[in-house]
Each structure stands twice: as C-alpha cells, then as structure tokens.
Protein backbone atom coordinates (compact mmCIF):
# COMPACT_ATOMS: atom_id res chain seq x y z
CA MET A 1 20.15 14.27 9.43
CA PRO A 2 16.71 12.22 9.17
CA LYS A 3 16.26 11.36 5.69
CA ILE A 4 13.31 10.78 3.23
CA TYR A 5 12.34 7.03 2.39
CA LEU A 6 9.90 5.84 -0.46
CA VAL A 7 7.10 3.58 0.37
CA ASP A 8 5.32 2.63 -2.61
CA VAL A 9 1.79 1.56 -2.57
CA THR A 10 0.93 0.61 -5.89
CA ASN A 11 -0.04 -3.09 -5.09
CA ARG A 12 -2.33 -2.08 -2.04
CA ASP A 13 -3.94 1.53 -3.01
CA GLY A 14 -3.01 1.23 -6.78
CA VAL A 15 -5.05 -1.90 -7.40
CA GLN A 16 -8.08 -1.15 -5.49
CA THR A 17 -8.42 1.81 -7.55
CA ALA A 18 -12.37 1.20 -9.34
CA ARG A 19 -12.06 -0.43 -12.48
CA LEU A 20 -8.32 -1.18 -12.47
CA GLY A 21 -6.14 -4.03 -11.37
CA LEU A 22 -3.26 -6.31 -11.47
CA SER A 23 -2.71 -9.96 -12.14
CA LYS A 24 -0.40 -11.77 -9.16
CA LEU A 25 2.32 -11.78 -11.54
CA GLU A 26 2.10 -8.65 -12.68
CA LYS A 27 2.33 -7.20 -8.76
CA THR A 28 5.20 -9.45 -8.40
CA LEU A 29 7.15 -7.44 -11.31
CA VAL A 30 6.08 -4.22 -9.89
CA ASN A 31 8.06 -5.35 -6.49
CA MET A 32 10.78 -6.81 -8.57
CA TYR A 33 10.94 -3.35 -10.59
CA LEU A 34 10.70 -1.28 -7.27
CA ASN A 35 13.68 -3.49 -5.62
CA ASP A 36 15.68 -2.49 -8.72
CA MET A 37 14.99 1.31 -8.56
CA GLY A 38 16.13 1.15 -4.97
CA VAL A 39 12.91 1.81 -3.26
CA TYR A 40 12.83 1.45 0.50
CA GLN A 41 9.57 -0.30 0.84
CA SER A 42 6.59 -2.08 -1.02
CA GLU A 43 3.05 -2.01 0.66
CA PHE A 44 2.75 -5.44 -1.42
CA GLY A 45 -0.73 -6.36 -0.43
CA PHE A 46 -3.55 -7.48 1.63
CA PRO A 47 -2.93 -10.17 4.13
CA THR A 48 -6.22 -10.77 4.99
CA THR A 49 -7.39 -11.44 1.59
CA ARG A 50 -7.58 -15.23 0.79
CA HIS A 51 -6.91 -14.54 -2.80
CA GLU A 52 -3.65 -12.74 -1.92
CA SER A 53 -2.18 -15.44 0.23
CA ASN A 54 -0.07 -17.46 -2.02
CA TYR A 55 1.08 -14.23 -3.97
CA LEU A 56 2.28 -12.71 -0.54
CA GLN A 57 4.07 -15.98 0.37
CA ALA A 58 5.57 -16.36 -2.84
CA ASN A 59 7.05 -12.76 -2.71
CA LEU A 60 8.47 -13.45 0.60
CA GLU A 61 9.83 -16.45 -0.62
CA LEU A 62 11.59 -14.53 -3.43
CA ALA A 63 13.08 -12.10 -0.71
CA GLU A 64 13.98 -14.94 1.12
CA LYS A 65 16.26 -16.31 -1.84
CA GLY A 66 17.73 -12.95 -2.20
CA VAL A 67 15.97 -11.92 -5.70
CA ILE A 68 14.04 -9.04 -3.69
CA ASN A 69 17.12 -8.20 -1.86
CA SER A 70 16.58 -4.67 -0.65
CA LEU A 71 12.81 -3.75 -1.14
CA ARG A 72 11.00 -4.06 2.40
CA LEU A 73 7.51 -6.22 1.77
CA GLU A 74 4.77 -4.71 3.90
CA GLY A 75 1.19 -6.01 4.26
CA TRP A 76 -2.07 -3.64 4.88
CA ILE A 77 -4.82 -4.84 7.32
CA ARG A 78 -7.39 -2.79 9.62
CA ALA A 79 -6.24 -2.17 13.11
CA THR A 80 -8.24 -4.83 14.70
CA VAL A 81 -7.03 -8.14 16.80
CA GLY A 82 -9.36 -10.13 14.15
CA ASP A 83 -7.32 -8.79 11.37
CA VAL A 84 -4.01 -9.20 13.03
CA ASP A 85 -5.00 -12.85 13.55
CA GLU A 86 -6.39 -13.67 10.28
CA ALA A 87 -2.96 -12.00 8.76
CA PHE A 88 -0.57 -14.31 10.38
CA ARG A 89 -2.92 -17.45 9.98
CA LEU A 90 -2.79 -16.93 6.19
CA VAL A 91 0.72 -15.44 5.75
CA PRO A 92 2.60 -16.95 8.65
CA ASN A 93 6.14 -15.70 7.61
CA LEU A 94 4.88 -11.97 7.51
CA LYS A 95 7.48 -9.57 9.00
CA HIS A 96 6.17 -6.10 8.30
CA LEU A 97 2.66 -4.58 9.10
CA ASN A 98 0.68 -1.31 8.69
CA LEU A 99 -2.36 -1.27 10.72
CA SER A 100 -5.06 1.19 9.75
CA ILE A 101 -8.09 3.10 11.60
CA SER A 102 -9.95 6.00 11.00
CA THR A 103 -9.29 9.12 13.45
CA SER A 104 -11.54 12.02 11.92
CA ASN A 105 -14.88 12.86 13.79
CA GLN A 106 -16.40 12.55 10.10
CA MET A 107 -15.09 9.19 9.84
CA ILE A 108 -15.86 8.06 13.66
CA GLU A 109 -19.70 9.31 13.49
CA GLY A 110 -19.88 8.74 9.77
CA LYS A 111 -18.87 4.78 9.64
CA PHE A 112 -19.05 3.65 13.24
CA GLN A 113 -22.31 5.57 13.82
CA GLY A 114 -22.04 5.54 17.54
CA ARG A 115 -20.83 2.11 18.06
CA LYS A 116 -17.10 3.55 18.80
CA ASP A 117 -15.63 7.14 20.29
CA LYS A 118 -12.28 8.33 20.07
CA LYS A 119 -11.00 6.30 23.24
CA ASP A 120 -12.27 3.20 21.64
CA ILE A 121 -10.27 3.88 18.44
CA ILE A 122 -6.97 4.29 20.40
CA ALA A 123 -7.94 1.03 22.32
CA ASP A 124 -8.53 -0.87 19.11
CA MET A 125 -5.35 0.28 17.65
CA THR A 126 -3.31 -0.38 20.78
CA ARG A 127 -4.72 -4.22 21.22
CA ALA A 128 -3.88 -4.75 17.56
CA VAL A 129 -0.21 -3.45 17.67
CA ASP A 130 -0.01 -5.51 20.75
CA HIS A 131 -1.31 -8.64 19.07
CA ALA A 132 0.87 -8.18 15.77
CA LYS A 133 4.15 -7.81 18.21
CA GLU A 134 3.22 -11.12 20.12
CA LEU A 135 2.40 -12.82 16.91
CA GLY A 136 6.17 -11.88 15.51
CA ALA A 137 6.00 -8.58 13.44
CA ALA A 138 9.33 -7.22 13.08
CA SER A 139 8.00 -3.63 12.39
CA ILE A 140 4.50 -2.09 12.54
CA GLY A 141 3.22 1.14 11.21
CA VAL A 142 -0.09 2.70 12.55
CA ASN A 143 -2.32 4.30 9.85
CA SER A 144 -4.51 7.39 10.87
CA GLU A 145 -6.94 7.23 7.80
CA ASP A 146 -8.12 10.69 7.38
CA ALA A 147 -5.96 12.52 9.36
CA SER A 148 -6.10 15.38 7.49
CA ARG A 149 -9.60 16.07 8.81
CA SER A 150 -8.81 14.86 12.42
CA ASP A 151 -8.32 16.98 15.51
CA LEU A 152 -4.47 17.61 15.70
CA ASP A 153 -4.24 17.30 19.46
CA TYR A 154 -5.95 13.62 19.11
CA LEU A 155 -3.25 12.72 16.47
CA ILE A 156 -0.78 13.18 18.79
CA GLU A 157 -2.41 11.32 21.32
CA PHE A 158 -3.15 8.60 18.95
CA GLY A 159 0.25 8.68 17.69
CA ASN A 160 2.03 8.62 21.26
CA ALA A 161 -0.12 5.64 22.16
CA ALA A 162 1.10 3.68 19.27
CA LYS A 163 4.70 4.57 20.14
CA GLU A 164 4.19 3.64 23.36
CA HIS A 165 2.95 0.07 22.04
CA GLY A 166 5.83 -0.72 19.78
CA ALA A 167 4.85 1.04 16.44
CA GLU A 168 7.88 2.66 14.88
CA ARG A 169 6.19 4.78 12.19
CA PHE A 170 2.99 7.08 12.27
CA ARG A 171 1.18 7.20 9.04
CA TYR A 172 -0.45 10.62 8.15
CA CYS A 173 -3.03 10.04 5.50
CA ASP A 174 -4.54 13.00 3.52
CA THR A 175 -7.30 10.68 2.55
CA LEU A 176 -9.53 12.65 0.71
CA GLY A 177 -6.48 14.98 -0.79
CA TYR A 178 -7.73 18.23 1.66
CA ASP A 179 -4.42 19.29 2.76
CA ASN A 180 -2.07 22.03 1.17
CA PRO A 181 1.61 22.27 1.04
CA PHE A 182 1.50 24.68 3.82
CA THR A 183 -0.75 23.26 6.30
CA ILE A 184 0.71 19.54 5.94
CA TYR A 185 4.21 20.99 6.58
CA ASP A 186 3.07 22.50 9.88
CA THR A 187 0.96 19.42 10.98
CA ALA A 188 4.10 17.02 10.02
CA LYS A 189 6.40 18.89 11.83
CA ARG A 190 4.70 19.17 14.95
CA LEU A 191 3.61 15.55 14.59
CA ALA A 192 7.36 14.46 14.15
CA LYS A 193 8.35 16.58 17.33
CA GLU A 194 5.49 15.53 19.71
CA ILE A 195 5.49 11.78 18.69
CA GLY A 196 9.10 11.17 18.03
CA ILE A 197 8.89 8.50 15.72
CA GLY A 198 9.11 8.45 11.67
CA ILE A 199 6.43 10.11 10.03
CA GLU A 200 4.62 8.24 6.75
CA ILE A 201 3.17 10.88 4.41
CA HIS A 202 0.18 9.52 2.49
CA CYS A 203 -1.46 11.64 -0.15
CA HIS A 204 -4.17 11.85 -2.69
CA GLY A 205 -4.83 14.18 -5.48
CA ASP A 206 -8.28 14.94 -5.06
CA LEU A 207 -7.16 18.95 -5.30
CA GLY A 208 -4.33 18.03 -7.86
CA MET A 209 -1.45 18.43 -4.94
CA ALA A 210 -0.67 15.24 -4.17
CA VAL A 211 3.06 15.55 -5.03
CA ALA A 212 3.23 18.85 -3.73
CA ASN A 213 1.84 18.00 -0.41
CA SER A 214 3.74 14.68 0.02
CA ILE A 215 6.97 17.00 -0.46
CA ALA A 216 6.24 19.56 1.92
CA GLY A 217 4.89 16.64 4.27
CA ALA A 218 8.23 14.90 4.15
CA ALA A 219 10.20 18.18 4.86
CA GLY A 220 7.94 19.02 7.56
CA ALA A 221 8.69 15.61 9.24
CA VAL A 222 12.34 16.05 8.62
CA ASP A 223 12.59 19.69 10.11
CA GLY A 224 10.66 18.13 13.04
CA GLY A 225 13.56 15.70 13.71
CA GLN A 226 12.20 12.26 12.25
CA ASP A 227 12.47 10.20 9.24
CA ALA A 228 9.76 10.98 6.44
CA PHE A 229 8.25 8.04 4.39
CA ILE A 230 6.57 9.40 1.34
CA ASN A 231 3.91 6.86 -0.02
CA THR A 232 3.81 6.84 -3.64
CA THR A 233 2.13 4.77 -6.57
CA VAL A 234 3.36 3.88 -10.25
CA ASN A 235 2.11 6.47 -12.75
CA GLY A 236 -0.06 8.21 -9.90
CA ILE A 237 -2.68 5.33 -9.87
CA GLY A 238 -4.82 5.29 -7.06
CA GLU A 239 -8.36 5.68 -5.71
CA ARG A 240 -10.51 8.65 -7.41
CA ALA A 241 -7.71 11.11 -8.56
CA GLY A 242 -4.99 9.11 -7.82
CA ASN A 243 -1.86 9.21 -5.48
CA ALA A 244 1.46 10.92 -5.34
CA ASP A 245 3.28 9.74 -8.43
CA LEU A 246 6.59 7.68 -7.83
CA VAL A 247 8.77 9.31 -10.48
CA ALA A 248 7.28 12.56 -10.02
CA VAL A 249 8.25 12.39 -6.18
CA ILE A 250 11.83 11.27 -6.67
CA LEU A 251 12.17 14.18 -9.42
CA ALA A 252 10.82 16.78 -7.07
CA ILE A 253 13.21 15.80 -4.00
CA THR A 254 16.33 15.60 -6.39
CA LYS A 255 15.67 18.38 -8.86
CA SER A 256 13.41 21.16 -7.16
CA LYS A 257 14.73 24.17 -6.07
CA GLY A 258 17.14 23.86 -3.29
CA PHE A 259 15.46 20.89 -1.94
CA ALA A 260 18.28 18.60 -1.94
CA ASP A 261 20.47 20.73 -0.45
CA LYS A 262 18.35 20.14 2.79
CA TYR A 263 16.86 17.30 2.42
CA GLN A 264 18.47 13.75 1.81
CA LEU A 265 16.62 11.00 -0.31
CA GLY A 266 17.43 7.70 1.77
CA GLY A 267 18.79 4.29 0.31
CA ASN A 268 20.14 3.99 -3.71
CA VAL A 269 17.43 5.25 -5.43
CA SER A 270 17.90 4.91 -9.09
CA LEU A 271 16.15 7.14 -11.81
CA SER A 272 17.51 4.91 -14.46
CA LYS A 273 14.59 2.55 -13.89
CA ALA A 274 11.97 5.17 -14.21
CA TRP A 275 10.88 4.80 -17.86
CA LYS A 276 10.68 0.86 -17.20
CA ILE A 277 8.30 0.66 -14.25
CA ALA A 278 6.32 3.34 -15.66
CA LYS A 279 5.94 1.97 -19.30
CA PHE A 280 4.91 -1.66 -17.36
CA ALA A 281 2.48 -0.19 -15.20
CA ALA A 282 0.80 1.62 -18.30
CA TYR A 283 0.44 -1.93 -19.96
CA ALA A 284 -0.32 -3.71 -17.09
CA PHE A 285 -3.06 -1.56 -15.54
CA GLY A 286 -4.16 -0.67 -19.51
CA ILE A 287 -3.76 3.11 -18.70
CA PRO A 288 -1.68 5.29 -20.88
CA ILE A 289 0.87 7.25 -19.39
CA PRO A 290 -0.31 10.91 -19.68
CA ILE A 291 1.14 12.53 -22.56
CA ASN A 292 2.51 15.57 -20.03
CA GLN A 293 3.42 13.11 -17.07
CA PRO A 294 6.60 14.28 -15.65
CA GLY A 295 9.86 12.67 -16.72
CA VAL A 296 7.98 9.75 -18.79
CA GLY A 297 5.30 11.37 -20.89
CA ALA A 298 5.67 11.59 -24.41
CA ASN A 299 6.13 15.07 -24.50
CA ALA A 300 8.33 15.59 -21.31
CA PHE A 301 11.46 16.26 -23.83
CA ALA A 302 9.62 17.12 -26.90
CA HIS A 303 10.16 20.61 -28.22
CA GLU A 304 8.09 22.17 -31.31
CA SER A 305 8.27 25.98 -30.71
CA GLY A 306 11.22 27.78 -32.53
CA ILE A 307 12.58 29.52 -29.34
CA HIS A 308 12.71 26.33 -27.41
CA ALA A 309 13.86 24.00 -30.27
CA ASP A 310 16.76 26.35 -31.00
CA GLY A 311 17.76 26.90 -27.31
CA VAL A 312 17.48 23.08 -26.57
CA LEU A 313 19.72 22.20 -29.51
CA LYS A 314 22.14 24.91 -28.31
CA ASP A 315 22.06 23.36 -24.68
CA PRO A 316 19.97 21.01 -23.49
CA GLU A 317 19.74 23.02 -19.92
CA ASN A 318 18.19 25.81 -21.61
CA TYR A 319 14.73 24.02 -21.70
CA GLU A 320 14.95 20.88 -19.83
CA LEU A 321 15.62 20.69 -15.99
CA TYR A 322 17.08 17.08 -16.32
CA GLY A 323 18.10 14.82 -18.78
CA TYR A 324 15.99 11.96 -20.51
CA GLU A 325 18.71 9.51 -19.95
CA GLU A 326 18.56 9.74 -16.52
CA LEU A 327 15.26 8.08 -16.36
CA GLY A 328 16.04 5.20 -18.63
CA LEU A 329 15.05 6.90 -21.82
CA GLY A 330 16.49 7.43 -25.43
CA GLU A 331 16.48 3.75 -26.99
CA PRO A 332 14.20 3.47 -30.05
CA VAL A 333 11.13 1.42 -29.71
CA LEU A 334 10.72 -1.21 -32.23
CA VAL A 335 7.49 -2.38 -33.37
CA GLU A 336 7.35 -5.46 -35.51
CA THR A 337 5.33 -5.09 -38.64
CA GLY A 338 6.08 -8.67 -40.44
CA ARG A 339 5.46 -11.99 -39.20
CA GLN A 340 5.00 -12.49 -35.32
CA ILE A 341 4.76 -15.44 -33.14
CA CYS A 342 3.09 -14.84 -29.70
CA THR A 343 2.52 -16.73 -26.59
CA GLY A 344 -0.91 -16.76 -25.48
CA GLU A 345 -3.48 -19.15 -23.45
CA TYR A 346 -3.58 -21.44 -26.54
CA SER A 347 0.11 -21.71 -27.46
CA GLY A 348 1.79 -24.67 -28.59
CA ILE A 349 5.46 -25.84 -27.90
CA SER A 350 7.11 -25.19 -31.31
CA GLY A 351 5.81 -21.32 -31.18
CA PHE A 352 6.47 -21.04 -27.42
CA ARG A 353 10.24 -22.15 -27.83
CA HIS A 354 10.60 -19.73 -30.79
CA VAL A 355 9.39 -16.92 -28.67
CA MET A 356 11.68 -17.96 -25.80
CA SER A 357 14.85 -18.23 -28.07
CA GLN A 358 13.99 -14.64 -29.51
CA LEU A 359 13.98 -12.73 -26.27
CA GLY A 360 16.67 -9.79 -26.17
CA GLY A 361 17.36 -10.22 -22.58
CA GLU A 362 18.99 -13.21 -22.08
CA GLU A 363 18.99 -16.83 -23.42
CA VAL A 364 16.47 -18.97 -22.46
CA THR A 365 17.15 -22.99 -22.92
CA PHE A 366 15.12 -25.86 -21.65
CA ALA A 367 16.91 -29.12 -20.52
CA ASN A 368 14.36 -31.23 -22.58
CA ASP A 369 10.66 -30.80 -23.85
CA ASP A 370 9.27 -31.66 -20.68
CA GLU A 371 10.72 -28.69 -18.89
CA ALA A 372 9.92 -26.50 -21.99
CA ARG A 373 5.68 -27.96 -21.52
CA ARG A 374 6.14 -27.26 -17.94
CA VAL A 375 6.98 -23.56 -18.23
CA LEU A 376 4.62 -23.48 -21.36
CA GLU A 377 1.54 -24.34 -19.35
CA LEU A 378 2.50 -21.89 -16.49
CA VAL A 379 2.68 -19.03 -19.49
CA ARG A 380 -0.64 -20.34 -20.67
CA TYR A 381 -1.99 -19.72 -17.23
CA ALA A 382 -0.68 -16.53 -16.53
CA ASN A 383 -2.01 -15.28 -20.02
CA VAL A 384 -5.50 -16.46 -18.72
CA GLU A 385 -5.13 -14.38 -15.60
CA SER A 386 -3.87 -11.09 -17.35
CA GLN A 387 -5.77 -11.37 -20.27
CA HIS A 388 -3.12 -9.80 -22.42
CA PRO A 389 0.07 -10.84 -23.78
CA LEU A 390 2.90 -11.24 -21.33
CA VAL A 391 6.01 -8.80 -21.26
CA GLU A 392 9.47 -10.56 -21.80
CA ASP A 393 10.53 -9.97 -18.33
CA GLU A 394 7.40 -12.26 -17.55
CA LEU A 395 8.55 -15.01 -19.74
CA LEU A 396 11.79 -14.54 -18.06
CA PHE A 397 10.40 -14.74 -14.54
CA ILE A 398 8.26 -17.92 -15.50
CA ALA A 399 11.71 -19.77 -16.96
CA LYS A 400 13.69 -18.68 -13.96
CA TYR A 401 11.08 -19.17 -10.86
CA PRO A 402 8.58 -22.05 -12.31
CA ASP A 403 7.65 -22.96 -8.68
CA ILE A 404 7.27 -19.63 -7.27
CA THR A 405 5.26 -18.66 -10.54
CA THR A 406 2.99 -21.97 -9.67
CA LYS A 407 2.27 -20.46 -6.51
CA LEU A 408 1.61 -16.93 -7.95
CA LEU A 409 -0.99 -18.52 -10.36
CA THR A 410 -2.63 -21.02 -7.58
CA PHE A 411 -6.04 -19.78 -5.90
CA ASN A 412 -7.46 -21.60 -2.91
CA PRO A 413 -10.99 -20.49 -2.88
C-alpha cells in the first residue's frame, strides 16, 4: 500500500519568511534534528544562491560521512535550464532537486505578462528536467506553483509531461492556502490516478487549514494509488500565515480518528524528538512557540478547570489524546541564576574551556591549547553570524566537526 512521507521545507520555505532567518550552522542543526526524527527529506536550501553553496556542500559532506544518515537532502530551484546549470556549477555533488514553475492563469498572466503561455511553461519545465538528468540528478520533483488555482486538466498534462521526462514526484502547491480538505482530497486523488507518480502536498495557512489540507491531500494521493509526500516546517514557520507544522502533521497522521488505521506513515518517524526540534527552532528564529501549539505549546498538557484537573489526575486519557512523554517532554528546565560564564564573539580561552567542560551531553576535551583555540575561534565566528548565544548542540557540533564548521562559516562573495 502507498505510504505518506514527510518532506520538511524549513530550510527553504521557512527561512524565506519575511523578517526571519537562520544561520548556516542553525540550518545544519535543523537537518541533524530532522535526521534524528526519521523525516524522509529536507529541502535544505537554494543551490543557485551563492551564500548557500558552502553550507549545502558541508551538509552533503555530513551525509557522505554518515552523520546525516537517513535524511535525503534536496535543493529547490526554478524550472529553467539556467538554474539547473548554476545549481550544478555551485554544488556539483547535488543529487536531489525540486524544479518549480507557475501553472495558474493568474501567475502566467500576472508574472510573465505575455512572455509565456501554457505550452511554454511545459516546454521550460521539461527542458529543465532533461538537463538535470543529464548533469546527474538522482531524483527530480517538479513543482506546480499556485496549483490550487490552476486548471486541473492542465495540471494533469503538466504532470504527465514531467513524468515522461523522468520526474519521480509531482508537487501540488497550494501556494496561497486556497484549498480546503474536500477540494484537495479530490484533486490529489485524480492527480495520483492520472499521472501515476508520487504526489507531494505543499500547503499554506492563509485560511488556517494547512495541516488539515495536507492530511486530506495525502489521503487523496494514497487512495489514488500513489505515495504521498507532505511538506512541513518546524513550528509551522513559513511565508505569510505559515506552512503545515511538522509536529501537528505527525500527530494528525498517527492520532486522529481512524486515520492511522487506513494510512501509514512511511519511515521510522519518532515523536520523541518533537520538543527538542520545536524548542531549537523557536530559539533560532526568535519566534516563541505559541501557547496553544499542538503537542509542544506551554498549554498543550496544562489543566486548570476543576472537572478537567480531576479527570486527568484519575486517568490522563480522560483529557489528553496522547502523552507528553511521547513528544520528549517531561524533564524539568533548569535556569541558572548564579554565576554564568558564556561563550560569545569575544570569549577567551579560559572561559571557553570552562563552558565546554560543563556541557551536560558529553565530555569535551582538547588535545592541546592550539586545538582549543581553533574551536574557540569558530565559536566566536558562529556567534557573530547568529547574534545570539550558541546552544549546547551547536558547541558540540563545532568541537566534533571543525572542518565542516569552517565551511559553514565561510562565504565567497
């Protein structure tokens, strides 16, 4: 039976949210956490953007080393031959690509303004797919931007052309959050039946239905006989009103009424990492987790009403659909109120050695002062880029992989 897979787009769609962003080290940590969660794929960046090149190559190197060992790393570009050339020039070892182009009348007329018609769109897309295959792409997904406002017969023509030229997935983009669960189910089912390749569902929250639409669209694709791939972002961070939240999507697939009895989540996805990745993303983006966020919000397991408190104390399942332990919650959060030695862009070797010796996860030692000073210098640069103190996992990453960190912190204007 076809399955539902998760494709997280935090490092592509999430980071292009207005007024938000992540450092290259923070993007790398997101990939590491996604890998630990068992997510199928990360849309890890923009191969045609020069300041992404070293970061993309560094993460591909982590995959070659087996540090990122299950997560596929896929880049996003426009569906043009020029973008394909530039992507492989800047990131020669790139293997997985998504090629995107607009398909709705609104976009074709409003963006291209007479320079292209529907036949030109398909021609551009197929030439780009052919060229990506020629340059060594191992897998290609083709994105239909503004698909929910596109003519369905044209989408089928577009998708079949992509398939004939070697694309393995068709991404249905509800770019403006225009769909509802009923329309997207019917559309995804027909696309799956008539195109015959995996259907990727990309939903936005302009009408507050990103998660519901993602689940319904995935169900339609599976009922149409194809694997479904749901696009998510951590904490739902994305353009305008955001994307489908990673944790909420997993909860909906595995916990909603009767869904898991019929539809299977592909891979070995672990909710136990949910709190860790949500907390890190909130810190790195500078956006607090909403108090009512499913699974990880501060009130997700809080009870005040007398009836609720009494009921949950007698049996948690009276008022909790799932346990907080499943999401990696339950450990107390300790806040230091006494003396603190911090790392930053002006840290010295003595304070740095003290901080590294106090890390709770594992002991960090240095062979000599030169090694310690080299790692300290990288920590300084990482603080300059992020402009806030590094978390423990970032410090451990820098100490373990100084060469890769150097690449992450290097820009070539």
